[in-house]
Protein backbone atom coordinates (compact mmCIF):
# COMPACT_ATOMS: atom_id res chain seq x y z
CA UNK A 1 20.35 -14.59 -7.85
CA UNK A 2 16.58 -14.36 -7.80
CA UNK A 3 14.59 -11.42 -9.08
CA UNK A 4 12.66 -9.43 -6.50
CA UNK A 5 9.77 -7.02 -6.88
CA UNK A 6 9.27 -4.19 -4.40
CA UNK A 7 6.05 -2.15 -4.17
CA UNK A 8 5.35 0.80 -1.88
CA UNK A 9 2.25 2.99 -1.72
CA UNK A 10 1.41 5.80 0.65
CA UNK A 11 -1.13 8.48 1.42
CA UNK A 12 -1.43 11.37 3.86
CA UNK A 13 -4.85 12.23 5.34
CA UNK A 14 -5.60 15.67 6.81
CA UNK A 15 -7.35 15.09 10.12
CA UNK A 16 -8.19 18.75 10.78
CA UNK A 17 -6.65 21.30 13.13
CA UNK A 18 -3.31 20.97 11.33
CA UNK A 19 -3.08 17.27 12.17
CA UNK A 20 -2.19 14.66 9.59
CA UNK A 21 -1.82 10.90 9.54
CA UNK A 22 0.36 9.08 7.01
CA UNK A 23 -0.05 5.48 5.89
CA UNK A 24 2.61 3.57 3.98
CA UNK A 25 2.37 -0.04 2.92
CA UNK A 26 4.96 -2.06 1.06
CA UNK A 27 5.88 -5.55 0.04
CA UNK A 28 9.00 -7.10 -1.36
CA UNK A 29 8.67 -10.51 -2.95
CA UNK A 30 10.75 -12.97 -4.94
CA UNK A 31 9.56 -13.75 -8.45
CA UNK A 32 9.13 -17.53 -8.49
CA UNK A 33 9.81 -19.66 -11.55
CA UNK A 34 6.85 -19.63 -13.89
CA UNK A 35 5.70 -16.14 -12.83
CA UNK A 36 6.56 -12.79 -14.36
CA UNK A 37 7.65 -9.62 -12.59
CA UNK A 38 4.39 -8.02 -13.75
CA UNK A 39 2.28 -10.79 -12.17
CA UNK A 40 4.06 -10.42 -8.83
CA UNK A 41 3.99 -6.63 -9.02
CA UNK A 42 0.24 -6.60 -9.76
CA UNK A 43 -0.47 -9.01 -6.87
CA UNK A 44 1.68 -6.99 -4.48
CA UNK A 45 0.25 -3.67 -5.62
CA UNK A 46 -3.31 -4.92 -5.22
CA UNK A 47 -2.58 -6.05 -1.66
CA UNK A 48 -0.90 -2.75 -0.74
CA UNK A 49 -3.63 -0.65 -2.35
CA UNK A 50 -6.41 -2.60 -0.60
CA UNK A 51 -4.75 -2.14 2.80
CA UNK A 52 -4.05 1.53 2.11
CA UNK A 53 -7.62 2.19 1.01
CA UNK A 54 -9.05 0.52 4.13
CA UNK A 55 -6.87 2.55 6.50
CA UNK A 56 -7.45 5.84 4.67
CA UNK A 57 -11.21 5.21 4.77
CA UNK A 58 -11.07 4.64 8.54
CA UNK A 59 -8.96 7.75 9.07
CA UNK A 60 -11.31 9.92 7.03
CA UNK A 61 -14.29 8.62 9.00
CA UNK A 62 -12.50 9.39 12.27
CA UNK A 63 -11.62 12.89 11.05
CA UNK A 64 -15.27 13.62 10.30
CA UNK A 65 -16.12 12.61 13.84
């Protein structure tokens, strides 16, 4: 049985007028031979965080109009 790493990140942005948008990103990956759980977690987290940050930035810009 292989080891898997699962990462999820999320953020809710207030859009104004009691409207909100929620972003959730996640990855689940196998840990290949020669790699550690930490290496795969860090790689997965970085990907999720980058995507989350990009979408939150766009949402905040749209909320400002």
